PDB file of all heavy atoms in Angstrom:
ATOM      1  N   GLY A   1      55.560 -23.844  30.451  1.00  0.00           N
ATOM      2  CA  GLY A   1      55.954 -25.234  30.238  1.00  0.00           C
ATOM      3  C   GLY A   1      55.551 -25.736  28.863  1.00  0.00           C
ATOM      4  O   GLY A   1      56.326 -26.433  28.183  1.00  0.00           O
ATOM      5  N   ASN A   2      54.342 -25.374  28.451  1.00  0.00           N
ATOM      6  CA  ASN A   2      53.867 -25.788  27.130  1.00  0.00           C
ATOM      7  C   ASN A   2      54.737 -25.190  26.031  1.00  0.00           C
ATOM      8  O   ASN A   2      55.139 -25.883  25.082  1.00  0.00           O
ATOM      9  CB  ASN A   2      52.411 -25.358  26.957  1.00  0.00           C
ATOM     10  CG  ASN A   2      51.770 -25.955  25.720  1.00  0.00           C
ATOM     11  OD1 ASN A   2      51.963 -27.122  25.407  1.00  0.00           O
ATOM     12  ND2 ASN A   2      50.997 -25.157  25.018  1.00  0.00           N
ATOM     13  N   LEU A   3      55.062 -23.909  26.149  1.00  0.00           N
ATOM     14  CA  LEU A   3      55.895 -23.247  25.144  1.00  0.00           C
ATOM     15  C   LEU A   3      57.288 -23.857  25.073  1.00  0.00           C
ATOM     16  O   LEU A   3      57.850 -24.029  23.985  1.00  0.00           O
ATOM     17  CB  LEU A   3      56.006 -21.753  25.455  1.00  0.00           C
ATOM     18  CG  LEU A   3      54.773 -20.899  25.154  1.00  0.00           C
ATOM     19  CD1 LEU A   3      54.918 -19.515  25.765  1.00  0.00           C
ATOM     20  CD2 LEU A   3      54.544 -20.797  23.645  1.00  0.00           C
ATOM     21  N   MET A   4      57.846 -24.209  26.232  1.00  0.00           N
ATOM     22  CA  MET A   4      59.183 -24.800  26.241  1.00  0.00           C
ATOM     23  C   MET A   4      59.204 -26.148  25.526  1.00  0.00           C
ATOM     24  O   MET A   4      60.149 -26.466  24.796  1.00  0.00           O
ATOM     25  CB  MET A   4      59.664 -24.951  27.682  1.00  0.00           C
ATOM     26  CG  MET A   4      59.998 -23.625  28.352  1.00  0.00           C
ATOM     27  SD  MET A   4      60.265 -23.815  30.128  1.00  0.00           S
ATOM     28  CE  MET A   4      61.699 -24.902  30.130  1.00  0.00           C
ATOM     29  N   THR A   5      58.155 -26.929  25.717  1.00  0.00           N
ATOM     30  CA  THR A   5      58.070 -28.222  25.033  1.00  0.00           C
ATOM     31  C   THR A   5      57.914 -28.032  23.539  1.00  0.00           C
ATOM     32  O   THR A   5      58.576 -28.707  22.733  1.00  0.00           O
ATOM     33  CB  THR A   5      56.906 -29.052  25.585  1.00  0.00           C
ATOM     34  OG1 THR A   5      57.119 -29.289  26.972  1.00  0.00           O
ATOM     35  CG2 THR A   5      56.790 -30.391  24.866  1.00  0.00           C
ATOM     36  N   VAL A   6      57.055 -27.104  23.143  1.00  0.00           N
ATOM     37  CA  VAL A   6      56.869 -26.822  21.720  1.00  0.00           C
ATOM     38  C   VAL A   6      58.165 -26.307  21.105  1.00  0.00           C
ATOM     39  O   VAL A   6      58.527 -26.689  19.982  1.00  0.00           O
ATOM     40  CB  VAL A   6      55.712 -25.822  21.511  1.00  0.00           C
ATOM     41  CG1 VAL A   6      55.652 -25.354  20.058  1.00  0.00           C
ATOM     42  CG2 VAL A   6      54.390 -26.454  21.921  1.00  0.00           C
ATOM     43  N   CYS A   7      58.875 -25.454  21.824  1.00  0.00           N
ATOM     44  CA  CYS A   7      60.171 -24.974  21.326  1.00  0.00           C
ATOM     45  C   CYS A   7      61.122 -26.143  21.058  1.00  0.00           C
ATOM     46  O   CYS A   7      61.791 -26.184  20.020  1.00  0.00           O
ATOM     47  CB  CYS A   7      60.799 -24.021  22.333  1.00  0.00           C
ATOM     48  SG  CYS A   7      60.125 -22.346  22.316  1.00  0.00           S
ATOM     49  N   ALA A   8      61.173 -27.086  21.982  1.00  0.00           N
ATOM     50  CA  ALA A   8      62.053 -28.249  21.803  1.00  0.00           C
ATOM     51  C   ALA A   8      61.670 -29.034  20.555  1.00  0.00           C
ATOM     52  O   ALA A   8      62.529 -29.427  19.757  1.00  0.00           O
ATOM     53  CB  ALA A   8      61.995 -29.143  23.038  1.00  0.00           C
ATOM     54  N   ILE A   9      60.383 -29.248  20.366  1.00  0.00           N
ATOM     55  CA  ILE A   9      59.897 -29.993  19.198  1.00  0.00           C
ATOM     56  C   ILE A   9      60.248 -29.265  17.905  1.00  0.00           C
ATOM     57  O   ILE A   9      60.594 -29.884  16.895  1.00  0.00           O
ATOM     58  CB  ILE A   9      58.378 -30.211  19.301  1.00  0.00           C
ATOM     59  CG1 ILE A   9      58.061 -31.164  20.465  1.00  0.00           C
ATOM     60  CG2 ILE A   9      57.810 -30.787  17.995  1.00  0.00           C
ATOM     61  CD1 ILE A   9      56.591 -31.239  20.804  1.00  0.00           C
ATOM     62  N   GLU A  10      60.180 -27.931  17.955  1.00  0.00           N
ATOM     63  CA  GLU A  10      60.406 -27.111  16.759  1.00  0.00           C
ATOM     64  C   GLU A  10      61.870 -26.703  16.577  1.00  0.00           C
ATOM     65  O   GLU A  10      62.184 -25.882  15.713  1.00  0.00           O
ATOM     66  CB  GLU A  10      59.537 -25.850  16.837  1.00  0.00           C
ATOM     67  CG  GLU A  10      58.054 -26.099  16.707  1.00  0.00           C
ATOM     68  CD  GLU A  10      57.662 -26.534  15.304  1.00  0.00           C
ATOM     69  OE1 GLU A  10      58.186 -25.940  14.330  1.00  0.00           O
ATOM     70  OE2 GLU A  10      56.850 -27.469  15.170  1.00  0.00           O
ATOM     71  N   ASP A  11      62.779 -27.255  17.400  1.00  0.00           N
ATOM     72  CA  ASP A  11      64.201 -26.908  17.335  1.00  0.00           C
ATOM     73  C   ASP A  11      64.440 -25.415  17.574  1.00  0.00           C
ATOM     74  O   ASP A  11      65.311 -24.791  16.950  1.00  0.00           O
ATOM     75  CB  ASP A  11      64.815 -27.318  15.994  1.00  0.00           C
ATOM     76  CG  ASP A  11      64.800 -28.824  15.789  1.00  0.00           C
ATOM     77  OD1 ASP A  11      65.022 -29.562  16.763  1.00  0.00           O
ATOM     78  OD2 ASP A  11      64.541 -29.267  14.648  1.00  0.00           O
ATOM     79  N   ILE A  12      63.669 -24.867  18.490  1.00  0.00           N
ATOM     80  CA  ILE A  12      63.836 -23.475  18.899  1.00  0.00           C
ATOM     81  C   ILE A  12      64.479 -23.470  20.280  1.00  0.00           C
ATOM     82  O   ILE A  12      64.033 -24.174  21.181  1.00  0.00           O
ATOM     83  CB  ILE A  12      62.483 -22.741  18.963  1.00  0.00           C
ATOM     84  CG1 ILE A  12      61.814 -22.702  17.582  1.00  0.00           C
ATOM     85  CG2 ILE A  12      62.657 -21.328  19.506  1.00  0.00           C
ATOM     86  CD1 ILE A  12      60.369 -22.211  17.622  1.00  0.00           C
ATOM     87  N   ASP A  13      65.525 -22.698  20.438  1.00  0.00           N
ATOM     88  CA  ASP A  13      66.160 -22.592  21.750  1.00  0.00           C
ATOM     89  C   ASP A  13      65.441 -21.551  22.593  1.00  0.00           C
ATOM     90  O   ASP A  13      64.893 -20.568  22.071  1.00  0.00           O
ATOM     91  CB  ASP A  13      67.641 -22.233  21.594  1.00  0.00           C
ATOM     92  CG  ASP A  13      68.452 -23.413  21.089  1.00  0.00           C
ATOM     93  OD1 ASP A  13      68.505 -24.424  21.797  1.00  0.00           O
ATOM     94  OD2 ASP A  13      69.011 -23.314  19.981  1.00  0.00           O
ATOM     95  N   ALA A  14      65.452 -21.763  23.903  1.00  0.00           N
ATOM     96  CA  ALA A  14      64.714 -20.875  24.806  1.00  0.00           C
ATOM     97  C   ALA A  14      65.371 -20.865  26.179  1.00  0.00           C
ATOM     98  O   ALA A  14      66.126 -21.773  26.521  1.00  0.00           O
ATOM     99  CB  ALA A  14      63.263 -21.343  24.921  1.00  0.00           C
ATOM    100  N   CYS A  15      65.052 -19.839  26.950  1.00  0.00           N
ATOM    101  CA  CYS A  15      65.581 -19.738  28.307  1.00  0.00           C
ATOM    102  C   CYS A  15      64.500 -19.185  29.227  1.00  0.00           C
ATOM    103  O   CYS A  15      64.262 -17.969  29.252  1.00  0.00           O
ATOM    104  CB  CYS A  15      66.809 -18.838  28.345  1.00  0.00           C
ATOM    105  SG  CYS A  15      67.561 -18.740  29.993  1.00  0.00           S
ATOM    106  N   PRO A  16      63.814 -20.049  29.980  1.00  0.00           N
ATOM    107  CA  PRO A  16      62.781 -19.566  30.897  1.00  0.00           C
ATOM    108  C   PRO A  16      63.394 -18.705  31.993  1.00  0.00           C
ATOM    109  O   PRO A  16      64.422 -19.045  32.558  1.00  0.00           O
ATOM    110  CB  PRO A  16      62.190 -20.858  31.474  1.00  0.00           C
ATOM    111  CG  PRO A  16      63.295 -21.864  31.348  1.00  0.00           C
ATOM    112  CD  PRO A  16      64.028 -21.501  30.097  1.00  0.00           C
ATOM    113  N   MET A  17      62.759 -17.569  32.289  1.00  0.00           N
ATOM    114  CA  MET A  17      63.339 -16.631  33.234  1.00  0.00           C
ATOM    115  C   MET A  17      62.289 -16.056  34.177  1.00  0.00           C
ATOM    116  O   MET A  17      61.246 -15.579  33.737  1.00  0.00           O
ATOM    117  CB  MET A  17      64.039 -15.483  32.482  1.00  0.00           C
ATOM    118  CG  MET A  17      65.256 -15.914  31.696  1.00  0.00           C
ATOM    119  SD  MET A  17      65.870 -14.617  30.561  1.00  0.00           S
ATOM    120  CE  MET A  17      66.134 -13.264  31.685  1.00  0.00           C
ATOM    121  N   GLU A  18      62.595 -16.120  35.466  1.00  0.00           N
ATOM    122  CA  GLU A  18      61.832 -15.409  36.490  1.00  0.00           C
ATOM    123  C   GLU A  18      62.622 -14.201  36.997  1.00  0.00           C
ATOM    124  O   GLU A  18      62.054 -13.323  37.649  1.00  0.00           O
ATOM    125  CB  GLU A  18      61.541 -16.324  37.678  1.00  0.00           C
ATOM    126  CG  GLU A  18      60.624 -17.494  37.397  1.00  0.00           C
ATOM    127  CD  GLU A  18      60.438 -18.361  38.626  1.00  0.00           C
ATOM    128  OE1 GLU A  18      61.447 -18.934  39.098  1.00  0.00           O
ATOM    129  OE2 GLU A  18      59.300 -18.446  39.117  1.00  0.00           O
ATOM    130  N   GLY A  19      63.909 -14.168  36.692  1.00  0.00           N
ATOM    131  CA  GLY A  19      64.798 -13.144  37.229  1.00  0.00           C
ATOM    132  C   GLY A  19      64.706 -11.820  36.495  1.00  0.00           C
ATOM    133  O   GLY A  19      65.514 -11.528  35.602  1.00  0.00           O
ATOM    134  N   PHE A  20      63.710 -11.028  36.859  1.00  0.00           N
ATOM    135  CA  PHE A  20      63.571  -9.693  36.289  1.00  0.00           C
ATOM    136  C   PHE A  20      62.699  -8.867  37.223  1.00  0.00           C
ATOM    137  O   PHE A  20      62.070  -9.399  38.149  1.00  0.00           O
ATOM    138  CB  PHE A  20      62.979  -9.745  34.870  1.00  0.00           C
ATOM    139  CG  PHE A  20      61.519 -10.137  34.810  1.00  0.00           C
ATOM    140  CD1 PHE A  20      60.544  -9.176  34.574  1.00  0.00           C
ATOM    141  CD2 PHE A  20      61.121 -11.452  34.989  1.00  0.00           C
ATOM    142  CE1 PHE A  20      59.199  -9.532  34.507  1.00  0.00           C
ATOM    143  CE2 PHE A  20      59.776 -11.815  34.926  1.00  0.00           C
ATOM    144  CZ  PHE A  20      58.816 -10.847  34.683  1.00  0.00           C
ATOM    145  N   ASP A  21      62.662  -7.562  36.998  1.00  0.00           N
ATOM    146  CA  ASP A  21      61.876  -6.654  37.823  1.00  0.00           C
ATOM    147  C   ASP A  21      60.542  -6.383  37.125  1.00  0.00           C
ATOM    148  O   ASP A  21      60.478  -5.554  36.205  1.00  0.00           O
ATOM    149  CB  ASP A  21      62.639  -5.347  38.023  1.00  0.00           C
ATOM    150  CG  ASP A  21      61.944  -4.384  38.972  1.00  0.00           C
ATOM    151  OD1 ASP A  21      60.719  -4.524  39.173  1.00  0.00           O
ATOM    152  OD2 ASP A  21      62.606  -3.483  39.507  1.00  0.00           O
ATOM    153  N   PRO A  22      59.484  -7.074  37.524  1.00  0.00           N
ATOM    154  CA  PRO A  22      58.194  -6.916  36.842  1.00  0.00           C
ATOM    155  C   PRO A  22      57.680  -5.481  36.814  1.00  0.00           C
ATOM    156  O   PRO A  22      57.103  -5.046  35.807  1.00  0.00           O
ATOM    157  CB  PRO A  22      57.254  -7.817  37.647  1.00  0.00           C
ATOM    158  CG  PRO A  22      58.146  -8.834  38.272  1.00  0.00           C
ATOM    159  CD  PRO A  22      59.406  -8.081  38.592  1.00  0.00           C
ATOM    160  N   SER A  23      57.898  -4.735  37.898  1.00  0.00           N
ATOM    161  CA  SER A  23      57.384  -3.362  37.935  1.00  0.00           C
ATOM    162  C   SER A  23      58.035  -2.499  36.861  1.00  0.00           C
ATOM    163  O   SER A  23      57.372  -1.656  36.234  1.00  0.00           O
ATOM    164  CB  SER A  23      57.603  -2.751  39.321  1.00  0.00           C
ATOM    165  OG  SER A  23      58.979  -2.646  39.628  1.00  0.00           O
ATOM    166  N   LYS A  24      59.340  -2.697  36.625  1.00  0.00           N
ATOM    167  CA  LYS A  24      60.041  -1.940  35.590  1.00  0.00           C
ATOM    168  C   LYS A  24      59.588  -2.374  34.195  1.00  0.00           C
ATOM    169  O   LYS A  24      59.437  -1.545  33.287  1.00  0.00           O
ATOM    170  CB  LYS A  24      61.552  -2.106  35.737  1.00  0.00           C
ATOM    171  CG  LYS A  24      62.142  -1.384  36.939  1.00  0.00           C
ATOM    172  CD  LYS A  24      61.981   0.123  36.802  1.00  0.00           C
ATOM    173  CE  LYS A  24      62.683   0.846  37.947  1.00  0.00           C
ATOM    174  NZ  LYS A  24      62.502   2.325  37.827  1.00  0.00           N
ATOM    175  N   TYR A  25      59.408  -3.677  34.017  1.00  0.00           N
ATOM    176  CA  TYR A  25      58.885  -4.167  32.731  1.00  0.00           C
ATOM    177  C   TYR A  25      57.513  -3.570  32.454  1.00  0.00           C
ATOM    178  O   TYR A  25      57.226  -3.101  31.343  1.00  0.00           O
ATOM    179  CB  TYR A  25      58.791  -5.698  32.757  1.00  0.00           C
ATOM    180  CG  TYR A  25      59.987  -6.403  32.170  1.00  0.00           C
ATOM    181  CD1 TYR A  25      61.229  -6.333  32.790  1.00  0.00           C
ATOM    182  CD2 TYR A  25      59.885  -7.151  31.004  1.00  0.00           C
ATOM    183  CE1 TYR A  25      62.335  -6.989  32.264  1.00  0.00           C
ATOM    184  CE2 TYR A  25      60.978  -7.815  30.471  1.00  0.00           C
ATOM    185  CZ  TYR A  25      62.205  -7.729  31.100  1.00  0.00           C
ATOM    186  OH  TYR A  25      63.291  -8.378  30.574  1.00  0.00           O
ATOM    187  N   ASP A  26      56.657  -3.585  33.490  1.00  0.00           N
ATOM    188  CA  ASP A  26      55.305  -3.053  33.324  1.00  0.00           C
ATOM    189  C   ASP A  26      55.345  -1.579  32.927  1.00  0.00           C
ATOM    190  O   ASP A  26      54.544  -1.129  32.098  1.00  0.00           O
ATOM    191  CB  ASP A  26      54.507  -3.223  34.615  1.00  0.00           C
ATOM    192  CG  ASP A  26      54.285  -4.680  34.985  1.00  0.00           C
ATOM    193  OD1 ASP A  26      54.628  -5.564  34.172  1.00  0.00           O
ATOM    194  OD2 ASP A  26      53.771  -4.939  36.083  1.00  0.00           O
TER     195      ASP A  26
END
């Protein structure tokens, strides 16, 4: 949440995501 707010202030676009396979990422 903090990063998303900072991104907005800094004119950085972002997309928060929970949709992924953590075990494969790990």
